[in-house]
Amino acid sequence: MTVVRSIILFVVAAVFEIGGAWLVWQGVREHRGWAWIGAGVIALGIYGFVATLQPDAHFGRILAAYGGVFVAGSLIWAMGVDGYRPDRWDIIGALLCLAGVAVIMYAPRTR
């Protein structure tokens, strides 16, 4: 159950971080204004909070593993929101990143 909780938290964190960055991007680059930027900043703050809820107590491990989730999540976001179509190298790279997440977070360890 701990692994499932951890994965859910990674997904929720990714939605807030990627969504927050996208909102800031829209506010600045697409000239949608301060409301979009403000919403993005709030979402980014929520991401930071969600990351602290991970069951593992090691900040460096959580952040390193989350990097792989961020890579894959960014491509999924781009597909769903911006109509981006990743090529096979994008997909292979994202899968490699997710394999890294699995090794970093869920490999058996002696404590």
C-alpha atoms as a PDB file:
ATOM      1  CA  MET A   1       0.000   0.000   0.000  1.00  0.00           C
ATOM      2  CA  THR A   2       2.920   2.361   0.632  1.00  0.00           C
ATOM      3  CA  VAL A   3       4.058   2.059  -3.005  1.00  0.00           C
ATOM      4  CA  VAL A   4       0.556   2.849  -4.267  1.00  0.00           C
ATOM      5  CA  ARG A   5       0.341   5.889  -1.965  1.00  0.00           C
ATOM      6  CA  SER A   6       3.748   7.062  -3.147  1.00  0.00           C
ATOM      7  CA  ILE A   7       2.783   6.740  -6.822  1.00  0.00           C
ATOM      8  CA  ILE A   8      -0.475   8.637  -6.238  1.00  0.00           C
ATOM      9  CA  LEU A   9       1.446  11.416  -4.482  1.00  0.00           C
ATOM     10  CA  PHE A  10       3.920  11.611  -7.365  1.00  0.00           C
ATOM     11  CA  VAL A  11       1.048  11.939  -9.852  1.00  0.00           C
ATOM     12  CA  VAL A  12      -0.696  14.612  -7.778  1.00  0.00           C
ATOM     13  CA  ALA A  13       2.588  16.511  -7.349  1.00  0.00           C
ATOM     14  CA  ALA A  14       3.194  16.348 -11.108  1.00  0.00           C
ATOM     15  CA  VAL A  15      -0.256  17.731 -11.903  1.00  0.00           C
ATOM     16  CA  PHE A  16       0.324  20.694  -9.588  1.00  0.00           C
ATOM     17  CA  GLU A  17       3.899  21.376 -10.670  1.00  0.00           C
ATOM     18  CA  ILE A  18       3.408  20.939 -14.397  1.00  0.00           C
ATOM     19  CA  GLY A  19       0.016  22.627 -14.291  1.00  0.00           C
ATOM     20  CA  GLY A  20       1.430  25.505 -12.260  1.00  0.00           C
ATOM     21  CA  ALA A  21       4.342  26.000 -14.620  1.00  0.00           C
ATOM     22  CA  TRP A  22       1.943  25.841 -17.577  1.00  0.00           C
ATOM     23  CA  LEU A  23      -0.279  28.508 -15.993  1.00  0.00           C
ATOM     24  CA  VAL A  24       2.714  30.799 -15.454  1.00  0.00           C
ATOM     25  CA  TRP A  25       3.777  30.143 -19.065  1.00  0.00           C
ATOM     26  CA  GLN A  26       0.307  31.040 -20.284  1.00  0.00           C
ATOM     27  CA  GLY A  27       0.234  34.180 -18.177  1.00  0.00           C
ATOM     28  CA  VAL A  28       3.616  35.414 -19.385  1.00  0.00           C
ATOM     29  CA  ARG A  29       4.251  33.940 -22.832  1.00  0.00           C
ATOM     30  CA  GLU A  30       0.655  33.933 -24.052  1.00  0.00           C
ATOM     31  CA  HIS A  31      -0.178  37.263 -22.370  1.00  0.00           C
ATOM     32  CA  ARG A  32      -3.111  35.913 -20.372  1.00  0.00           C
ATOM     33  CA  GLY A  33      -2.315  38.083 -17.383  1.00  0.00           C
ATOM     34  CA  TRP A  34      -1.595  38.114 -13.706  1.00  0.00           C
ATOM     35  CA  ALA A  35      -4.526  35.906 -12.697  1.00  0.00           C
ATOM     36  CA  TRP A  36      -3.000  33.012 -14.644  1.00  0.00           C
ATOM     37  CA  ILE A  37       0.423  33.716 -13.181  1.00  0.00           C
ATOM     38  CA  GLY A  38      -0.998  33.900  -9.655  1.00  0.00           C
ATOM     39  CA  ALA A  39      -2.889  30.625 -10.103  1.00  0.00           C
ATOM     40  CA  GLY A  40       0.331  29.054 -11.335  1.00  0.00           C
ATOM     41  CA  VAL A  41       2.302  30.259  -8.334  1.00  0.00           C
ATOM     42  CA  ILE A  42      -0.358  28.831  -5.995  1.00  0.00           C
ATOM     43  CA  ALA A  43      -0.307  25.494  -7.832  1.00  0.00           C
ATOM     44  CA  LEU A  44       3.491  25.387  -7.581  1.00  0.00           C
ATOM     45  CA  GLY A  45       3.230  25.996  -3.839  1.00  0.00           C
ATOM     46  CA  ILE A  46       0.755  23.125  -3.513  1.00  0.00           C
ATOM     47  CA  TYR A  47       3.201  20.899  -5.416  1.00  0.00           C
ATOM     48  CA  GLY A  48       5.866  21.688  -2.839  1.00  0.00           C
ATOM     49  CA  PHE A  49       3.507  20.702  -0.039  1.00  0.00           C
ATOM     50  CA  VAL A  50       2.356  17.470  -1.716  1.00  0.00           C
ATOM     51  CA  ALA A  51       5.966  16.353  -2.133  1.00  0.00           C
ATOM     52  CA  THR A  52       6.409  16.435   1.669  1.00  0.00           C
ATOM     53  CA  LEU A  53       3.691  13.794   2.072  1.00  0.00           C
ATOM     54  CA  GLN A  54       5.811  11.035   0.509  1.00  0.00           C
ATOM     55  CA  PRO A  55       6.311   8.118   2.929  1.00  0.00           C
ATOM     56  CA  ASP A  56      10.107   8.102   2.411  1.00  0.00           C
ATOM     57  CA  ALA A  57      11.876  10.570   4.697  1.00  0.00           C
ATOM     58  CA  HIS A  58      14.828  11.357   2.395  1.00  0.00           C
ATOM     59  CA  PHE A  59      14.348  14.659   0.571  1.00  0.00           C
ATOM     60  CA  GLY A  60      17.109  13.981  -1.950  1.00  0.00           C
ATOM     61  CA  ARG A  61      15.687  10.595  -2.890  1.00  0.00           C
ATOM     62  CA  ILE A  62      12.165  11.976  -3.286  1.00  0.00           C
ATOM     63  CA  LEU A  63      13.302  14.888  -5.426  1.00  0.00           C
ATOM     64  CA  ALA A  64      15.599  12.730  -7.570  1.00  0.00           C
ATOM     65  CA  ALA A  65      12.855  10.190  -8.228  1.00  0.00           C
ATOM     66  CA  TYR A  66      10.285  12.911  -8.841  1.00  0.00           C
ATOM     67  CA  GLY A  67      12.486  14.210 -11.658  1.00  0.00           C
ATOM     68  CA  GLY A  68      11.614  11.109 -13.670  1.00  0.00           C
ATOM     69  CA  VAL A  69       7.916  11.542 -12.950  1.00  0.00           C
ATOM     70  CA  PHE A  70       8.211  15.163 -14.064  1.00  0.00           C
ATOM     71  CA  VAL A  71       9.773  14.167 -17.398  1.00  0.00           C
ATOM     72  CA  ALA A  72       7.077  11.618 -18.225  1.00  0.00           C
ATOM     73  CA  GLY A  73       4.299  13.817 -16.846  1.00  0.00           C
ATOM     74  CA  SER A  74       5.432  16.794 -18.905  1.00  0.00           C
ATOM     75  CA  LEU A  75       5.124  14.779 -22.101  1.00  0.00           C
ATOM     76  CA  ILE A  76       1.685  13.513 -21.094  1.00  0.00           C
ATOM     77  CA  TRP A  77       0.596  17.087 -20.245  1.00  0.00           C
ATOM     78  CA  ALA A  78       1.908  18.347 -23.583  1.00  0.00           C
ATOM     79  CA  MET A  79      -0.035  15.641 -25.407  1.00  0.00           C
ATOM     80  CA  GLY A  80      -3.278  16.312 -23.571  1.00  0.00           C
ATOM     81  CA  VAL A  81      -3.196  20.090 -23.319  1.00  0.00           C
ATOM     82  CA  ASP A  82      -1.023  21.347 -26.158  1.00  0.00           C
ATOM     83  CA  GLY A  83      -1.561  18.648 -28.784  1.00  0.00           C
ATOM     84  CA  TYR A  84       2.132  17.669 -28.777  1.00  0.00           C
ATOM     85  CA  ARG A  85       2.917  14.280 -30.305  1.00  0.00           C
ATOM     86  CA  PRO A  86       6.054  12.721 -28.827  1.00  0.00           C
ATOM     87  CA  ASP A  87       8.308  10.707 -31.090  1.00  0.00           C
ATOM     88  CA  ARG A  88       9.712   7.317 -30.176  1.00  0.00           C
ATOM     89  CA  TRP A  89      12.781   8.894 -28.566  1.00  0.00           C
ATOM     90  CA  ASP A  90      10.605  11.011 -26.279  1.00  0.00           C
ATOM     91  CA  ILE A  91       8.727   7.881 -25.254  1.00  0.00           C
ATOM     92  CA  ILE A  92      11.882   5.809 -24.760  1.00  0.00           C
ATOM     93  CA  GLY A  93      13.426   8.603 -22.703  1.00  0.00           C
ATOM     94  CA  ALA A  94      10.324   8.921 -20.528  1.00  0.00           C
ATOM     95  CA  LEU A  95      10.224   5.156 -19.953  1.00  0.00           C
ATOM     96  CA  LEU A  96      13.892   5.187 -18.957  1.00  0.00           C
ATOM     97  CA  CYS A  97      13.142   7.988 -16.499  1.00  0.00           C
ATOM     98  CA  LEU A  98      10.254   6.008 -15.002  1.00  0.00           C
ATOM     99  CA  ALA A  99      12.510   2.966 -14.687  1.00  0.00           C
ATOM    100  CA  GLY A 100      14.885   5.215 -12.737  1.00  0.00           C
ATOM    101  CA  VAL A 101      12.029   6.269 -10.475  1.00  0.00           C
ATOM    102  CA  ALA A 102      11.234   2.627  -9.757  1.00  0.00           C
ATOM    103  CA  VAL A 103      14.856   1.819  -8.910  1.00  0.00           C
ATOM    104  CA  ILE A 104      15.387   4.905  -6.754  1.00  0.00           C
ATOM    105  CA  MET A 105      12.124   4.663  -4.836  1.00  0.00           C
ATOM    106  CA  TYR A 106      11.038   1.052  -4.750  1.00  0.00           C
ATOM    107  CA  ALA A 107      14.157  -1.151  -4.896  1.00  0.00           C
ATOM    108  CA  PRO A 108      14.475  -3.330  -1.814  1.00  0.00           C
ATOM    109  CA  ARG A 109      16.825  -1.803   0.733  1.00  0.00           C
ATOM    110  CA  THR A 110      18.153  -2.805   4.076  1.00  0.00           C
ATOM    111  CA  ARG A 111      17.484  -0.018   6.496  1.00  0.00           C
END
